[in-house]
């Protein structure tokens, strides 16, 4: 079984992933945030770094799906490729951080990649108020997240329908 935990930045995905993995002896899979070479630059200049940052996350999430497909244990995953695309990438596009050409290229690549992997059996979505997200982000203390524009969190909390 493959369960994906979805939600905004600071919504508690990692906490829930750890709790479920411990309680049910499932294999946890965590998002590649701490070693994304584009993330800090992205929060400094969203428009300039959106495409390479999104491509990096797509690559990492696809690798996760390939590894999950080979696993013989139940897996609980902190953020999935689908949420990455339909929430984060779609928001970057809606906010004008990705132009039409980059978005179309990205979506074509996403569709090609996901044709060869299985979707999660269950997705759990965690929704929180922006003030709660900000408090969790501040408590976590990642320096690059402290510079995140508040409007970015608000936009992710109200994902666009277009993707």
Protein backbone atom coordinates (compact mmCIF):
# COMPACT_ATOMS: atom_id res chain seq x y z
CA UNK A 1 0.00 0.00 0.00
CA UNK A 2 1.19 3.52 -0.84
CA UNK A 3 -0.25 6.43 1.15
CA UNK A 4 0.68 10.01 0.26
CA UNK A 5 0.36 12.89 2.71
CA UNK A 6 -0.41 16.21 1.02
CA UNK A 7 -0.66 19.75 2.32
CA UNK A 8 0.83 23.21 2.36
CA UNK A 9 4.29 24.03 3.67
CA UNK A 10 4.14 23.73 7.46
CA UNK A 11 0.82 21.83 7.55
CA UNK A 12 2.22 18.82 9.45
CA UNK A 13 2.95 16.34 6.64
CA UNK A 14 6.27 15.20 8.06
CA UNK A 15 4.83 14.84 11.56
CA UNK A 16 1.92 12.72 10.32
CA UNK A 17 4.22 10.66 8.09
CA UNK A 18 6.47 9.87 11.07
CA UNK A 19 3.49 9.05 13.31
CA UNK A 20 1.90 6.67 10.78
CA UNK A 21 5.22 5.01 9.97
CA UNK A 22 5.93 4.40 13.65
CA UNK A 23 2.41 3.27 14.58
CA UNK A 24 1.98 0.82 11.69
CA UNK A 25 5.62 -0.04 10.96
CA UNK A 26 5.36 1.47 7.48
CA UNK A 27 8.32 2.72 5.50
CA UNK A 28 8.41 6.56 5.55
CA UNK A 29 9.47 8.53 2.44
CA UNK A 30 10.31 12.19 2.94
CA UNK A 31 10.37 15.13 0.56
CA UNK A 32 13.81 16.22 -0.66
CA UNK A 33 13.68 19.72 0.84
CA UNK A 34 16.94 19.85 2.75
CA UNK A 35 19.08 19.06 -0.27
CA UNK A 36 17.32 20.90 -3.10
CA UNK A 37 20.06 23.09 -4.63
CA UNK A 38 17.48 25.59 -5.96
CA UNK A 39 15.23 26.16 -2.97
CA UNK A 40 17.08 28.98 -1.24
CA UNK A 41 17.51 30.84 -4.55
CA UNK A 42 13.86 30.21 -5.36
CA UNK A 43 12.61 31.99 -2.25
CA UNK A 44 14.84 34.96 -3.09
CA UNK A 45 13.59 35.23 -6.70
CA UNK A 46 10.50 33.12 -7.42
CA UNK A 47 10.23 34.02 -11.09
CA UNK A 48 13.87 33.32 -11.96
CA UNK A 49 14.15 29.98 -10.15
CA UNK A 50 10.65 28.46 -10.51
CA UNK A 51 11.35 26.27 -13.54
CA UNK A 52 14.65 24.69 -12.39
CA UNK A 53 13.31 24.26 -8.85
CA UNK A 54 10.12 22.57 -10.11
CA UNK A 55 12.11 20.31 -12.46
CA UNK A 56 14.37 19.27 -9.56
CA UNK A 57 11.35 18.37 -7.40
CA UNK A 58 9.73 16.49 -10.30
CA UNK A 59 12.92 14.45 -10.80
CA UNK A 60 13.18 13.64 -7.08
CA UNK A 61 9.49 12.74 -6.71
CA UNK A 62 9.66 10.52 -9.79
CA UNK A 63 12.68 8.70 -8.33
CA UNK A 64 10.67 8.24 -5.12
CA UNK A 65 7.80 6.67 -7.08
CA UNK A 66 10.19 4.30 -8.84
CA UNK A 67 11.64 3.21 -5.48
CA UNK A 68 8.18 2.90 -3.91
CA UNK A 69 7.05 0.68 -6.79
CA UNK A 70 9.89 -1.75 -5.98
CA UNK A 71 9.18 -1.79 -2.25
CA UNK A 72 7.49 -4.77 -0.64
CA UNK A 73 6.47 -2.81 2.48
CA UNK A 74 3.62 -0.38 3.03
CA UNK A 75 4.86 3.16 2.36
CA UNK A 76 3.71 6.50 3.71
CA UNK A 77 5.04 9.43 1.69
CA UNK A 78 5.49 13.05 2.72
CA UNK A 79 4.33 14.94 -0.41
CA UNK A 80 3.70 13.28 -3.78
CA UNK A 81 4.51 14.08 -7.38
CA UNK A 82 0.82 14.85 -8.00
CA UNK A 83 0.54 17.49 -5.32
CA UNK A 84 3.83 18.97 -6.45
CA UNK A 85 2.39 19.44 -9.93
CA UNK A 86 -1.26 20.28 -9.30
CA UNK A 87 -0.64 22.59 -6.35
CA UNK A 88 2.89 24.01 -6.41
CA UNK A 89 3.70 24.07 -10.11
CA UNK A 90 0.17 25.15 -11.00
CA UNK A 91 0.48 28.01 -8.50
CA UNK A 92 3.82 29.10 -9.92
CA UNK A 93 2.17 29.18 -13.33
CA UNK A 94 -0.89 31.07 -12.05
CA UNK A 95 1.37 33.58 -10.26
CA UNK A 96 3.30 34.24 -13.50
CA UNK A 97 6.47 32.58 -12.24
CA UNK A 98 6.36 30.07 -15.12
CA UNK A 99 5.61 31.19 -18.66
CA UNK A 100 3.42 29.16 -21.03
CA UNK A 101 6.39 27.48 -22.74
CA UNK A 102 8.00 26.30 -19.48
CA UNK A 103 4.66 25.18 -18.02
CA UNK A 104 3.72 23.20 -21.13
CA UNK A 105 7.16 21.57 -21.24
CA UNK A 106 6.91 20.70 -17.56
CA UNK A 107 3.40 19.26 -17.89
CA UNK A 108 4.39 17.14 -20.89
CA UNK A 109 7.34 15.73 -18.95
CA UNK A 110 5.12 15.09 -15.91
CA UNK A 111 2.57 13.19 -18.02
CA UNK A 112 5.30 11.10 -19.66
CA UNK A 113 6.84 10.22 -16.28
CA UNK A 114 3.57 9.36 -14.58
CA UNK A 115 2.54 7.05 -17.41
CA UNK A 116 5.08 4.53 -16.10
CA UNK A 117 4.30 4.64 -12.35
CA UNK A 118 1.36 3.71 -10.15
CA UNK A 119 -0.67 6.38 -8.35
CA UNK A 120 -0.90 6.25 -4.52
CA UNK A 121 -3.61 4.04 -3.06
CA UNK A 122 -4.69 6.85 -0.74
CA UNK A 123 -3.91 10.54 -0.43
CA UNK A 124 -4.53 12.43 2.82
CA UNK A 125 -4.74 16.21 2.51
CA UNK A 126 -3.87 18.37 5.54
CA UNK A 127 -5.35 21.87 5.45
CA UNK A 128 -4.32 24.63 7.85
CA UNK A 129 -4.84 28.35 8.20
CA UNK A 130 -2.05 30.55 6.89
CA UNK A 131 -1.35 31.82 10.41
CA UNK A 132 -0.88 28.23 11.61
CA UNK A 133 1.42 27.50 8.65
CA UNK A 134 3.53 30.59 9.41
CA UNK A 135 3.83 29.58 13.08
CA UNK A 136 4.98 26.07 12.11
CA UNK A 137 7.45 27.41 9.54
CA UNK A 138 8.93 29.82 12.10
CA UNK A 139 9.16 27.04 14.69
CA UNK A 140 10.91 24.73 12.22
CA UNK A 141 13.54 27.42 11.65
CA UNK A 142 14.73 26.75 8.09
CA UNK A 143 16.42 30.04 7.17
CA UNK A 144 15.36 30.01 3.50
CA UNK A 145 11.70 29.50 4.44
CA UNK A 146 11.73 32.58 6.68
CA UNK A 147 12.08 34.74 3.54
CA UNK A 148 9.06 33.16 1.84
CA UNK A 149 6.50 35.75 0.69
CA UNK A 150 3.23 35.47 2.65
CA UNK A 151 1.31 35.73 -0.64
CA UNK A 152 2.98 32.52 -1.80
CA UNK A 153 1.59 30.58 1.19
CA UNK A 154 -1.82 32.13 0.67
CA UNK A 155 -1.84 31.14 -3.00
CA UNK A 156 -0.88 27.56 -2.19
CA UNK A 157 -3.69 27.43 0.37
CA UNK A 158 -6.13 28.29 -2.45
CA UNK A 159 -4.75 26.25 -5.35
CA UNK A 160 -5.79 27.24 -8.86
CA UNK A 161 -8.12 24.98 -10.78
CA UNK A 162 -6.09 25.34 -13.97
CA UNK A 163 -3.30 22.82 -14.46
